[in-house]
Protein backbone atom coordinates (compact mmCIF):
# COMPACT_ATOMS: atom_id res chain seq x y z
CA MET A 1 81.95 51.97 -28.55
CA GLY A 2 80.32 54.69 -26.48
CA GLY A 3 78.25 54.01 -23.40
CA ASP A 4 74.62 54.80 -22.77
CA PRO A 5 74.23 58.60 -23.15
CA LEU A 6 70.91 58.89 -21.31
CA PRO A 7 72.02 58.58 -17.63
CA GLU A 8 74.69 61.24 -18.07
CA ALA A 9 72.47 63.54 -20.12
CA PHE A 10 69.60 63.52 -17.63
CA CYS A 11 71.14 62.93 -14.20
CA GLY A 12 69.69 65.65 -11.96
CA ALA A 13 67.44 67.02 -14.73
CA ARG A 14 64.26 68.82 -13.68
CA PHE A 15 61.00 67.65 -15.25
CA LEU A 16 57.51 69.10 -14.85
CA ILE A 17 54.63 66.75 -15.67
CA ALA A 18 51.29 68.51 -16.16
CA PRO A 19 48.25 66.22 -15.84
CA GLY A 20 46.07 69.30 -15.22
CA HIS A 21 44.25 67.93 -12.15
CA PHE A 22 44.84 65.89 -9.02
CA ASP A 23 41.43 64.42 -8.22
CA PHE A 24 41.17 61.79 -11.00
CA PHE A 25 43.33 58.75 -11.69
CA GLY A 26 42.80 57.20 -15.10
CA GLY A 27 45.05 55.55 -17.65
CA ALA A 28 46.97 58.68 -18.66
CA GLU A 29 47.53 59.63 -15.02
CA ARG A 30 48.80 56.16 -14.19
CA GLN A 31 51.29 56.39 -17.05
CA SER A 32 52.49 59.79 -15.85
CA VAL A 33 53.18 58.37 -12.39
CA LEU A 34 55.00 55.33 -13.77
CA LEU A 35 57.16 57.61 -15.93
CA ALA A 36 57.94 59.93 -13.03
CA LYS A 37 58.86 57.04 -10.74
CA SER A 38 61.25 55.67 -13.36
CA LEU A 39 62.82 59.10 -13.98
CA VAL A 40 63.43 59.53 -10.25
CA GLN A 41 64.66 56.03 -9.45
CA ASP A 42 66.52 55.08 -12.62
CA TYR A 43 67.89 58.43 -13.82
CA ASP A 44 68.11 60.51 -10.62
CA CYS A 45 65.83 63.22 -12.01
CA GLN A 46 63.71 65.72 -10.09
CA VAL A 47 60.05 65.50 -11.09
CA ASP A 48 57.20 67.82 -10.10
CA PHE A 49 53.52 67.63 -11.09
CA LEU A 50 51.37 70.64 -11.95
CA GLY A 51 47.58 70.80 -11.61
CA TRP A 52 44.95 73.51 -11.78
CA GLY A 53 43.49 72.99 -8.33
CA GLY A 54 42.41 70.72 -5.52
CA ASP A 55 43.82 67.53 -4.13
CA GLY A 56 42.89 63.90 -4.49
CA VAL A 57 43.94 60.42 -5.52
CA LEU A 58 46.49 61.54 -8.11
CA ALA A 59 48.16 63.88 -5.62
CA GLU A 60 48.42 60.96 -3.19
CA GLU A 61 50.07 58.79 -5.85
CA VAL A 62 52.49 61.61 -6.70
CA ARG A 63 53.56 62.04 -3.08
CA ALA A 64 53.95 58.28 -2.69
CA ILE A 65 56.74 58.22 -5.30
CA GLY A 66 58.53 61.21 -3.73
CA CYS A 67 57.37 63.91 -6.14
CA ARG A 68 55.61 67.23 -5.46
CA PRO A 69 52.03 67.96 -6.56
CA ILE A 70 51.98 71.74 -7.23
CA VAL A 71 48.72 73.64 -7.61
CA PHE A 72 48.24 76.73 -9.78
CA PRO A 73 44.56 77.82 -9.89
CA LEU A 74 43.49 78.05 -13.53
CA ASP A 75 40.06 77.88 -15.15
CA THR A 76 40.74 76.34 -18.55
CA GLY A 77 37.20 77.18 -19.61
CA GLN A 78 37.89 80.92 -19.50
CA ARG A 79 38.55 82.96 -22.62
CA GLY A 80 39.59 86.47 -23.52
CA LEU A 81 41.90 88.93 -21.80
CA ARG A 82 41.38 87.50 -18.31
CA PHE A 83 42.49 84.05 -19.43
CA ALA A 84 45.45 85.42 -21.39
CA THR A 85 46.60 87.32 -18.30
CA ARG A 86 46.28 84.19 -16.20
CA MET A 87 48.32 82.22 -18.71
CA LEU A 88 51.14 84.75 -18.50
CA LYS A 89 51.06 84.42 -14.72
CA LEU A 90 51.24 80.64 -15.10
CA ALA A 91 54.32 80.97 -17.32
CA ARG A 92 55.98 83.25 -14.77
CA PHE A 93 55.07 80.88 -11.94
CA ILE A 94 56.66 77.94 -13.75
CA ARG A 95 59.77 79.96 -14.62
CA THR A 96 60.38 81.42 -11.15
CA GLU A 97 58.90 78.88 -8.71
CA ILE A 98 59.51 75.51 -10.40
CA GLN A 99 62.26 76.16 -12.95
CA PRO A 100 61.91 72.94 -14.97
CA GLN A 101 64.14 72.10 -17.90
CA TYR A 102 61.61 69.83 -19.56
CA LEU A 103 57.81 70.16 -19.74
CA LEU A 104 55.69 67.02 -20.21
CA PRO A 105 51.96 67.85 -20.37
CA PHE A 106 49.70 64.78 -20.51
CA VAL A 107 46.50 64.71 -22.63
CA GLY A 108 45.79 67.07 -25.52
CA THR A 109 43.73 69.54 -23.44
CA HIS A 110 46.69 70.29 -21.17
CA CYS A 111 49.14 70.26 -24.07
CA LYS A 112 47.20 73.25 -25.41
CA VAL A 113 47.69 75.12 -22.13
CA ILE A 114 51.37 74.33 -21.51
CA GLY A 115 52.30 74.34 -25.19
CA SER A 116 51.02 77.89 -25.59
CA ILE A 117 53.36 79.30 -22.92
CA TRP A 118 56.31 76.93 -22.82
CA ARG A 119 58.76 79.35 -24.42
CA GLN A 120 58.05 81.88 -21.65
CA THR A 121 58.90 79.32 -18.93
CA GLY A 122 62.60 78.98 -19.71
CA ALA A 123 62.23 75.23 -20.40
CA ARG A 124 64.20 73.52 -23.15
CA PHE A 125 61.48 71.11 -24.28
CA CYS A 126 57.72 70.65 -24.50
CA TRP A 127 55.71 68.11 -26.44
CA TRP A 128 52.22 67.37 -27.66
CA ASN A 129 51.23 64.11 -25.96
CA GLN A 130 48.17 62.51 -27.58
CA ARG A 131 46.72 60.01 -25.10
CA ASP A 132 43.41 59.11 -26.78
CA GLU A 133 41.85 58.74 -30.20
CA GLY A 134 41.13 62.46 -30.61
CA ARG A 135 38.63 63.61 -27.98
CA LEU A 136 38.27 67.36 -27.46
CA ILE A 137 40.58 68.13 -30.40
CA TYR A 138 38.77 70.36 -32.88
CA GLY A 139 41.24 71.33 -35.59
CA THR A 140 41.52 74.96 -34.48
CA ARG A 141 44.22 77.34 -35.65
CA ARG A 142 45.79 77.22 -32.19
CA GLU A 143 45.96 73.42 -32.18
CA ARG A 144 47.41 73.40 -35.69
CA LYS A 145 50.12 75.89 -34.77
CA LEU A 146 51.13 73.93 -31.68
CA LEU A 147 51.33 70.65 -33.56
CA GLN A 148 53.52 72.27 -36.18
CA THR A 149 55.84 74.17 -33.83
CA LEU A 150 56.25 72.20 -30.59
CA PRO A 151 59.60 70.38 -30.44
CA ALA A 152 57.99 66.93 -30.55
CA VAL A 153 54.63 65.22 -31.02
CA VAL A 154 54.07 61.81 -29.44
CA SER A 155 51.17 59.41 -29.02
CA ASN A 156 50.75 56.22 -27.05
CA SER A 157 48.72 54.61 -29.83
CA TYR A 158 48.54 54.12 -33.56
CA GLU A 159 44.98 55.45 -33.40
CA GLY A 160 46.09 58.71 -31.79
CA ARG A 161 48.96 59.09 -34.27
CA ASP A 162 46.73 58.46 -37.27
CA PHE A 163 44.11 60.89 -35.96
CA LEU A 164 46.65 63.69 -35.75
CA ILE A 165 48.00 62.92 -39.22
CA ARG A 166 44.49 62.98 -40.73
CA LYS A 167 43.23 65.97 -38.79
CA PHE A 168 46.22 68.24 -39.21
CA GLY A 169 47.99 66.91 -42.29
CA LEU A 170 51.16 66.07 -40.37
CA ASN A 171 53.94 64.04 -41.91
CA HIS A 172 53.98 60.45 -40.69
CA ASP A 173 57.42 60.83 -39.12
CA ARG A 174 56.31 63.94 -37.19
CA VAL A 175 54.41 61.77 -34.67
CA LYS A 176 56.36 59.26 -32.60
CA VAL A 177 54.48 56.36 -31.01
CA ILE A 178 55.69 55.56 -27.48
CA ASN A 179 54.03 52.45 -26.06
CA ASN A 180 52.58 52.59 -22.57
CA GLY A 181 54.65 51.11 -19.78
CA ILE A 182 53.01 48.18 -18.01
CA VAL A 183 54.08 46.77 -14.65
CA ILE A 184 54.12 42.98 -14.52
CA PRO A 185 52.45 41.95 -11.24
CA GLU A 186 54.10 39.54 -8.86
CA SER A 187 50.94 37.90 -7.53
CA ALA A 188 49.81 34.64 -9.09
CA THR A 189 46.36 33.34 -9.94
CA ASN A 190 43.97 33.19 -6.99
CA SER A 191 40.28 32.62 -6.44
CA ALA A 192 39.47 35.53 -4.12
CA TRP A 193 37.22 37.28 -6.64
CA ARG A 194 35.39 34.07 -7.49
CA ASN A 195 34.84 33.21 -3.82
CA ALA A 196 33.53 36.68 -3.02
CA ASN A 197 31.17 36.79 -6.01
CA GLY A 198 29.76 33.28 -6.10
CA ILE A 199 31.63 32.07 -9.18
CA ASP A 200 32.48 28.38 -9.19
CA ALA A 201 36.13 27.35 -9.48
CA ASN A 202 35.32 25.32 -12.63
CA ASP A 203 33.48 28.14 -14.43
CA ILE A 204 35.17 29.83 -17.38
CA LEU A 205 35.29 33.50 -16.41
CA PHE A 206 35.35 36.17 -19.12
CA ALA A 207 35.89 39.79 -18.11
CA MET A 208 36.02 43.24 -19.68
CA VAL A 209 37.46 46.14 -17.68
CA ALA A 210 36.21 49.37 -19.25
CA ASN A 211 33.79 52.13 -18.25
CA LEU A 212 30.23 51.56 -19.47
CA SER A 213 30.31 54.44 -21.93
CA GLN A 214 29.51 55.13 -25.56
CA TYR A 215 33.21 54.89 -26.43
CA LYS A 216 33.15 51.11 -25.86
CA ASP A 217 30.97 48.40 -27.39
CA HIS A 218 29.74 46.27 -24.53
CA GLU A 219 26.57 45.58 -26.53
CA THR A 220 28.39 43.42 -29.06
CA LEU A 221 30.11 41.53 -26.23
CA LEU A 222 26.79 40.85 -24.53
CA ARG A 223 25.27 39.59 -27.78
CA ALA A 224 28.31 37.39 -28.38
CA PHE A 225 28.11 36.05 -24.83
CA ALA A 226 24.46 35.15 -25.37
CA ILE A 227 25.56 32.98 -28.30
CA VAL A 228 28.28 31.41 -26.15
CA ARG A 229 25.79 30.63 -23.37
CA SER A 230 23.55 28.79 -25.84
CA SER A 231 26.38 26.39 -26.71
CA ALA A 232 27.48 23.32 -24.78
CA VAL A 233 30.66 24.93 -23.46
CA GLY A 234 28.79 28.10 -22.57
CA LYS A 235 26.82 26.54 -19.74
CA THR A 236 29.80 27.03 -17.42
CA CYS A 237 30.80 30.46 -18.72
CA ARG A 238 30.38 33.69 -16.74
CA LEU A 239 30.99 37.34 -17.70
CA VAL A 240 32.03 40.35 -15.60
CA LEU A 241 31.70 43.86 -17.05
CA ALA A 242 33.73 45.95 -14.62
CA GLY A 243 33.89 49.71 -15.01
CA ARG A 244 32.34 53.00 -14.00
CA HIS A 245 28.59 53.10 -14.56
CA ASP A 246 28.44 55.76 -17.28
CA GLU A 247 25.66 56.67 -19.72
CA MET A 248 25.27 53.16 -21.23
CA THR A 249 24.71 51.33 -17.93
CA LEU A 250 20.92 51.09 -17.88
CA GLN A 251 20.76 50.15 -21.56
CA LEU A 252 23.33 47.39 -21.09
CA LYS A 253 21.63 45.97 -18.01
CA ALA A 254 18.33 45.94 -19.88
CA LEU A 255 19.98 44.15 -22.81
CA ALA A 256 21.49 41.53 -20.49
CA PHE A 257 17.99 40.92 -19.07
CA ASP A 258 16.43 40.69 -22.55
CA LEU A 259 19.10 38.19 -23.60
CA ASN A 260 18.39 36.08 -20.50
CA LEU A 261 21.90 36.67 -19.17
CA SER A 262 21.10 38.19 -15.79
CA ALA A 263 22.28 35.12 -13.86
CA ALA A 264 25.55 34.89 -15.80
CA VAL A 265 26.66 38.54 -16.08
CA GLN A 266 27.85 40.84 -13.29
CA PHE A 267 28.14 44.65 -13.37
CA PRO A 268 30.30 45.43 -10.29
CA GLY A 269 30.89 49.10 -11.23
CA ALA A 270 34.17 50.99 -10.88
CA LEU A 271 36.85 48.97 -9.11
CA SER A 272 39.90 50.10 -7.18
CA PRO A 273 43.26 49.17 -8.74
CA GLY A 274 43.58 46.39 -6.19
CA ASP A 275 40.15 45.01 -7.00
CA VAL A 276 40.93 45.11 -10.73
CA GLN A 277 44.00 42.98 -10.09
CA SER A 278 41.95 40.62 -7.93
CA LEU A 279 39.41 40.24 -10.74
CA LEU A 280 42.12 39.61 -13.33
CA SER A 281 43.80 37.03 -11.12
CA SER A 282 40.53 35.06 -11.13
CA THR A 283 39.82 35.54 -14.84
CA ASP A 284 40.37 33.01 -17.63
CA VAL A 285 39.88 35.28 -20.66
CA VAL A 286 39.74 39.06 -21.02
CA VAL A 287 37.63 40.42 -23.87
CA HIS A 288 37.96 44.04 -24.97
CA SER A 289 35.24 44.97 -27.43
CA SER A 290 35.41 48.52 -28.69
CA ILE A 291 34.69 50.30 -31.94
CA LYS A 292 37.50 52.84 -31.72
CA GLU A 293 40.14 53.81 -29.16
CA GLY A 294 43.84 54.00 -28.47
CA CYS A 295 45.92 51.14 -27.08
CA PRO A 296 43.71 49.89 -24.21
CA ASN A 297 45.29 49.52 -20.77
CA GLY A 298 42.58 47.01 -19.87
CA ALA A 299 43.98 44.63 -22.47
CA LEU A 300 47.63 45.37 -21.65
CA GLU A 301 47.20 44.72 -17.93
CA ALA A 302 45.56 41.38 -18.70
CA MET A 303 48.45 40.50 -21.01
CA ALA A 304 50.90 41.34 -18.21
CA ARG A 305 49.20 38.62 -16.14
CA GLY A 306 49.70 36.09 -18.92
CA LEU A 307 46.00 35.97 -19.77
CA CYS A 308 44.38 35.12 -23.05
CA VAL A 309 42.93 38.32 -24.58
CA LEU A 310 40.27 38.60 -27.28
CA GLY A 311 38.73 41.72 -28.77
CA THR A 312 37.64 43.68 -31.78
CA ASP A 313 39.87 44.26 -34.78
CA ILE A 314 40.80 47.90 -34.25
CA SER A 315 44.26 49.46 -34.39
CA GLY A 316 44.52 49.73 -30.59
CA MET A 317 44.06 46.00 -30.14
CA GLN A 318 46.39 45.23 -33.04
CA GLN A 319 49.02 47.39 -31.35
CA ALA A 320 48.52 45.60 -28.04
CA LEU A 321 48.51 42.01 -29.29
CA GLY A 322 50.72 42.34 -32.37
CA MET A 323 49.61 41.53 -35.88
CA GLU A 324 50.24 37.78 -35.79
CA VAL A 325 48.28 37.14 -32.60
CA GLY A 326 45.72 39.79 -33.48
CA ASN A 327 44.69 37.97 -36.63
CA ALA A 328 43.75 34.94 -34.52
CA CYS A 329 42.16 36.71 -31.56
CA LEU A 330 40.25 39.68 -32.99
CA ALA A 331 36.81 39.89 -34.56
CA PRO A 332 35.52 42.69 -36.80
CA ALA A 333 33.97 45.51 -34.75
CA GLY A 334 30.29 44.83 -34.17
CA ASP A 335 30.49 41.20 -35.32
CA ALA A 336 28.94 39.30 -32.41
CA ASP A 337 28.95 35.97 -34.27
CA ARG A 338 32.69 36.02 -34.93
CA LEU A 339 33.48 37.22 -31.42
CA ALA A 340 31.33 34.42 -29.99
CA SER A 341 33.19 31.89 -32.13
CA LEU A 342 36.53 33.07 -30.73
CA MET A 343 35.18 32.96 -27.18
CA MET A 344 33.87 29.41 -27.57
CA GLU A 345 37.16 28.27 -29.12
CA VAL A 346 39.29 29.39 -26.16
CA ALA A 347 36.67 28.38 -23.59
CA SER A 348 36.84 24.78 -24.83
CA CYS A 349 40.65 24.62 -25.03
CA PRO A 350 42.66 25.46 -21.88
CA GLU A 351 45.91 24.63 -23.70
CA LYS A 352 45.25 27.33 -26.29
CA ARG A 353 44.36 29.86 -23.57
CA ALA A 354 47.65 29.12 -21.84
CA GLU A 355 49.67 29.38 -25.06
CA LEU A 356 48.13 32.72 -25.99
CA GLY A 357 48.66 33.97 -22.45
CA ARG A 358 52.37 33.11 -22.52
CA GLY A 359 52.76 34.96 -25.81
CA ASN A 360 50.97 38.00 -24.42
CA LEU A 361 53.26 38.15 -21.38
CA ALA A 362 56.34 37.91 -23.60
CA ARG A 363 55.04 40.81 -25.71
CA ILE A 364 54.56 43.00 -22.65
CA ARG A 365 58.13 42.30 -21.56
CA SER A 366 59.57 43.12 -24.99
CA ASP A 367 57.40 46.03 -26.15
CA PHE A 368 55.52 47.54 -23.19
CA SER A 369 57.93 47.66 -20.27
CA VAL A 370 58.21 50.80 -18.14
CA GLU A 371 61.95 50.83 -18.83
CA ARG A 372 61.38 50.91 -22.59
CA MET A 373 58.78 53.66 -22.27
CA THR A 374 61.10 55.83 -20.17
CA ARG A 375 64.00 55.38 -22.55
CA SER A 376 61.78 56.31 -25.51
CA VAL A 377 60.68 59.48 -23.71
CA LEU A 378 64.25 60.49 -22.88
CA GLU A 379 65.47 59.71 -26.39
CA THR A 380 62.73 61.99 -27.73
CA VAL A 381 63.66 64.79 -25.32
CA LEU A 382 67.36 64.43 -26.13
CA ALA A 383 66.73 64.54 -29.88
CA HIS A 384 64.44 67.62 -29.80
CA ARG A 385 65.44 69.80 -26.84
CA VAL A 386 66.53 73.33 -27.63
CA ALA A 387 69.88 74.77 -26.62
């Protein structure tokens, strides 16, 4: 039997990851850094990052793992001859100054930029990497051509895959789903968040980590939590809605007041990665209510801590939890009554919370490890690279 072909095929290989910016660090950016770190440490690859300008938190993360953040000024909002000329200069810059073998743009917007010029860069591979449920993808002729001609099309979610299939009429086997890689934290449960925020050690703490935007459905969670609070077990329940204060913030705070939840709900705003982990280490149950999205990192990171996770019955949550667990832990989108019933059930049964948490951790280890993600990426590159 032959050995593992990947280390030999990619030892010393040169990758260029293109997140398109260096001043923002969201879920896609975190995944790009995890992938790069694994390529460098586990496969002895050289990895550079390409952005259109500036510096910031992503550039700091890139340097911390021993990779180079490279800036090429580009206004992706430009059109016409000036933009076309700039794109040709970008291709020449990549070919002469970076000389990558493999191009990995992250997020559809940057796949359009890199995908349009990849053949002029001298690289052997470029993909379309769908990291969300279809934002800023319009069905244009250019998008259609790229999705039909790029060597590979991948998505980190069933939702993203299904969007591309519906929007562009792609064959099902054209889009490969590569699960996100999730790091299992070493730290155990602690009460630092509770102590700092006045939450009693005996309270049942529910949390949702997601920006307060129209893409989520915090309203249903608040209405479900109001039902929980009116029950006997709900008297000791608390809820934290952690995330950037986007366009839904004032409406959600007003709803919490109207539902008489002000004393039991906290809106701490955007948290640093360390503060997110501190919150999760103090949390009993994570709830991720959303109407539509890809596979949510907020749920996956909670699963990696062995936490019980509830949510709405959308494909992203089914992908995260698995079908068997999902059927027991997910409520129909917008169904506050059913979600409240699930919340009260786990709040009143610590043994069930623990059992679900153990299953979630096992699923992360088997299906969402960084090692598995990296191997899936390299297998895709190996299968589709050009000579």
